[in-house]
């Protein structure tokens, strides 16, 4: 049996590696239209592991196709200030799109200064957060079991391994609907099934 890479490895399930599954009536085009109507400002809100970063990864290339220069920041826990210099800020204009994952980490003062500066210089801002903040609503993600099953099905599309729906449901519940954690937890499930199948060959 030829070696088969585990489809639940971090490389395969990082934001951007898995497509974002839009509900009926919503697409990257409709979200771009909303973003444009709101002067390229918006917020993507939702709980941990519900696909916010995946959605942003899907939108950024489309934003670039609109001729906008993207500045993408992923803030770690405890970051209170933006990792941008004054020179970085001065280079931002009406054709710049700032995207901030982890916006809630920033201090209130930093957020107010950023918003004021974005209006003054004209650059757009898209933020990701867990609770609504001070930007126009762009999209609200949620934890859906049906989406979890669809993602697992797509990841296993070219695999000899099959994971029962009951196992997916169990892991979805165990991780309280956090899709990212659920997919990581299926890494070991896959390995066990794969080894069993390999031993039978």
Protein backbone atom coordinates (compact mmCIF):
# COMPACT_ATOMS: atom_id res chain seq x y z
CA UNK A 1 0.00 0.00 0.00
CA UNK A 2 1.41 3.39 -1.03
CA UNK A 3 1.95 5.90 1.76
CA UNK A 4 -0.95 8.28 2.24
CA UNK A 5 -0.44 11.62 3.99
CA UNK A 6 -2.74 12.22 6.92
CA UNK A 7 -5.29 14.77 5.63
CA UNK A 8 -5.72 16.11 9.17
CA UNK A 9 -2.11 17.29 9.48
CA UNK A 10 -1.69 21.00 10.21
CA UNK A 11 -0.57 21.76 6.64
CA UNK A 12 -3.85 20.44 5.26
CA UNK A 13 -6.23 22.12 7.70
CA UNK A 14 -4.66 25.56 8.20
CA UNK A 15 -6.75 28.60 7.14
CA UNK A 16 -6.69 28.82 3.36
CA UNK A 17 -5.97 25.12 2.85
CA UNK A 18 -9.64 24.25 3.37
CA UNK A 19 -12.18 26.27 1.39
CA UNK A 20 -14.81 28.25 3.25
CA UNK A 21 -18.26 26.77 2.66
CA UNK A 22 -20.70 29.60 2.06
CA UNK A 23 -24.40 29.14 2.87
CA UNK A 24 -26.92 29.56 0.06
CA UNK A 25 -27.17 33.14 -1.13
CA UNK A 26 -23.75 34.16 0.20
CA UNK A 27 -20.48 34.17 -1.74
CA UNK A 28 -17.17 35.97 -1.83
CA UNK A 29 -18.73 38.25 -4.45
CA UNK A 30 -21.65 39.28 -2.22
CA UNK A 31 -19.29 39.91 0.70
CA UNK A 32 -16.97 41.99 -1.47
CA UNK A 33 -19.96 44.05 -2.59
CA UNK A 34 -20.91 44.64 1.06
CA UNK A 35 -17.32 45.55 1.92
CA UNK A 36 -17.15 48.01 -0.96
CA UNK A 37 -20.47 49.61 0.07
CA UNK A 38 -19.03 50.14 3.56
CA UNK A 39 -15.87 51.85 2.27
CA UNK A 40 -13.88 48.61 2.66
CA UNK A 41 -14.57 48.37 6.39
CA UNK A 42 -16.16 45.38 8.08
CA UNK A 43 -16.07 42.79 10.84
CA UNK A 44 -16.19 38.99 10.67
CA UNK A 45 -17.56 37.79 13.99
CA UNK A 46 -17.88 34.30 15.45
CA UNK A 47 -16.75 31.87 18.15
CA UNK A 48 -13.34 30.16 18.28
CA UNK A 49 -12.78 27.65 15.50
CA UNK A 50 -15.86 28.62 13.48
CA UNK A 51 -14.04 29.53 10.25
CA UNK A 52 -13.28 33.25 10.60
CA UNK A 53 -9.64 32.90 9.52
CA UNK A 54 -10.64 30.51 6.74
CA UNK A 55 -13.16 33.02 5.42
CA UNK A 56 -10.60 35.81 5.58
CA UNK A 57 -8.09 33.63 3.70
CA UNK A 58 -10.73 33.16 0.98
CA UNK A 59 -11.52 36.87 0.76
CA UNK A 60 -8.02 38.38 0.72
CA UNK A 61 -7.04 37.15 -2.79
CA UNK A 62 -10.37 38.49 -4.09
CA UNK A 63 -9.71 41.84 -2.43
CA UNK A 64 -6.28 41.93 -4.10
CA UNK A 65 -7.92 41.27 -7.47
CA UNK A 66 -9.84 44.51 -6.92
CA UNK A 67 -6.50 46.31 -7.06
CA UNK A 68 -6.10 46.74 -3.33
CA UNK A 69 -2.84 46.26 -1.43
CA UNK A 70 -3.45 43.89 1.47
CA UNK A 71 -1.70 44.23 4.84
CA UNK A 72 -2.59 41.11 6.85
CA UNK A 73 -1.83 40.98 10.59
CA UNK A 74 -2.30 37.93 12.82
CA UNK A 75 -2.08 39.08 16.43
CA UNK A 76 -1.06 36.73 19.22
CA UNK A 77 -2.56 36.70 22.71
CA UNK A 78 -1.54 39.68 24.78
CA UNK A 79 -0.67 41.98 21.87
CA UNK A 80 -2.02 45.42 22.77
CA UNK A 81 -0.47 47.49 19.98
CA UNK A 82 -0.31 47.07 16.24
CA UNK A 83 3.08 45.80 14.97
CA UNK A 84 3.24 48.64 12.44
CA UNK A 85 5.69 51.52 12.30
CA UNK A 86 4.80 55.13 11.55
CA UNK A 87 6.34 54.59 8.12
CA UNK A 88 4.05 51.59 7.57
CA UNK A 89 1.01 53.70 8.42
CA UNK A 90 2.13 56.57 6.20
CA UNK A 91 2.25 54.16 3.28
CA UNK A 92 -1.43 53.27 3.67
CA UNK A 93 -3.94 55.03 1.45
CA UNK A 94 -7.36 54.52 -0.13
CA UNK A 95 -6.04 51.51 -2.06
CA UNK A 96 -4.80 49.72 1.08
CA UNK A 97 -6.75 46.98 2.89
CA UNK A 98 -5.68 46.27 6.46
CA UNK A 99 -6.92 42.89 7.76
CA UNK A 100 -6.51 42.11 11.45
CA UNK A 101 -6.99 38.63 12.93
CA UNK A 102 -7.17 38.91 16.71
CA UNK A 103 -8.36 42.53 16.77
CA UNK A 104 -9.81 42.15 20.28
CA UNK A 105 -6.27 41.85 21.66
CA UNK A 106 -5.67 45.53 20.95
CA UNK A 107 -6.16 48.14 23.65
CA UNK A 108 -9.16 50.45 23.44
CA UNK A 109 -6.89 53.41 22.72
CA UNK A 110 -5.12 51.56 19.89
CA UNK A 111 -8.46 50.62 18.34
CA UNK A 112 -9.74 54.21 18.50
CA UNK A 113 -6.54 55.59 16.98
CA UNK A 114 -6.67 53.01 14.20
CA UNK A 115 -10.26 53.81 13.31
CA UNK A 116 -9.59 57.54 13.30
CA UNK A 117 -6.51 57.08 11.13
CA UNK A 118 -8.30 54.79 8.67
CA UNK A 119 -10.94 57.47 8.08
CA UNK A 120 -8.34 60.21 7.79
CA UNK A 121 -6.10 58.33 5.32
CA UNK A 122 -8.88 56.38 3.62
CA UNK A 123 -7.53 52.83 4.02
CA UNK A 124 -9.94 49.95 4.60
CA UNK A 125 -10.03 47.74 7.69
CA UNK A 126 -11.41 44.22 8.09
CA UNK A 127 -11.31 42.76 11.58
CA UNK A 128 -11.92 39.31 13.05
CA UNK A 129 -13.38 38.99 16.52
CA UNK A 130 -15.59 36.97 18.83
CA UNK A 131 -18.02 39.76 19.70
CA UNK A 132 -19.36 42.65 17.58
CA UNK A 133 -17.10 45.69 17.79
CA UNK A 134 -17.10 49.08 16.08
CA UNK A 135 -17.09 48.09 12.40
CA UNK A 136 -19.95 47.32 9.98
CA UNK A 137 -21.07 43.68 9.97
CA UNK A 138 -19.59 41.69 7.09
CA UNK A 139 -20.30 38.11 8.16
CA UNK A 140 -21.06 36.07 11.27
CA UNK A 141 -19.62 32.56 11.38
CA UNK A 142 -21.16 29.74 13.39
CA UNK A 143 -20.37 26.19 14.41
CA UNK A 144 -22.38 23.80 12.26
CA UNK A 145 -22.19 20.01 12.44
CA UNK A 146 -23.21 19.79 8.78
CA UNK A 147 -20.19 21.91 7.81
CA UNK A 148 -17.91 19.75 9.98
CA UNK A 149 -19.13 16.61 8.19
CA UNK A 150 -18.70 18.24 4.78
CA UNK A 151 -15.11 19.27 5.56
CA UNK A 152 -14.22 15.75 6.74
CA UNK A 153 -15.83 14.27 3.64
CA UNK A 154 -13.78 16.56 1.37
CA UNK A 155 -10.55 15.87 3.25
CA UNK A 156 -11.07 12.12 2.86
CA UNK A 157 -12.15 12.40 -0.77
CA UNK A 158 -9.04 10.67 -2.15
CA UNK A 159 -8.30 8.55 0.90
CA UNK A 160 -8.87 4.86 1.57
CA UNK A 161 -9.91 5.82 5.10
CA UNK A 162 -13.51 6.46 6.06
CA UNK A 163 -14.52 7.96 9.41
CA UNK A 164 -18.07 7.14 10.57
CA UNK A 165 -20.46 10.06 11.05
CA UNK A 166 -20.94 9.00 14.66
CA UNK A 167 -17.21 9.56 15.31
CA UNK A 168 -17.34 12.99 13.66
CA UNK A 169 -20.36 13.86 15.80
CA UNK A 170 -18.57 12.66 18.94
CA UNK A 171 -15.49 14.80 18.25
CA UNK A 172 -17.62 17.79 17.28
CA UNK A 173 -19.41 17.60 20.63
CA UNK A 174 -16.20 16.93 22.56
CA UNK A 175 -14.67 20.14 21.23
CA UNK A 176 -17.92 22.13 21.62
CA UNK A 177 -18.18 22.77 17.90
CA UNK A 178 -14.66 24.19 17.52
CA UNK A 179 -13.96 23.01 13.97
CA UNK A 180 -10.21 23.61 14.18
CA UNK A 181 -9.81 21.54 17.35
CA UNK A 182 -12.14 18.86 16.04
CA UNK A 183 -10.09 18.44 12.86
CA UNK A 184 -6.85 18.26 14.85
CA UNK A 185 -8.38 15.55 17.06
CA UNK A 186 -9.26 13.46 14.00
CA UNK A 187 -5.56 13.16 13.15
CA UNK A 188 -5.16 10.22 15.56
CA UNK A 189 -8.46 8.67 14.48
CA UNK A 190 -7.24 8.66 10.89
CA UNK A 191 -3.86 7.17 11.87
CA UNK A 192 -5.52 4.31 13.72
CA UNK A 193 -7.88 3.43 10.87
CA UNK A 194 -5.09 3.77 8.31
CA UNK A 195 -2.76 1.43 10.25
CA UNK A 196 -5.55 -1.14 10.57
CA UNK A 197 -6.19 -1.07 6.83
CA UNK A 198 -2.48 -1.24 6.07
CA UNK A 199 -2.00 -4.27 8.34
CA UNK A 200 -4.73 -6.12 6.45
CA UNK A 201 -2.90 -5.74 3.13
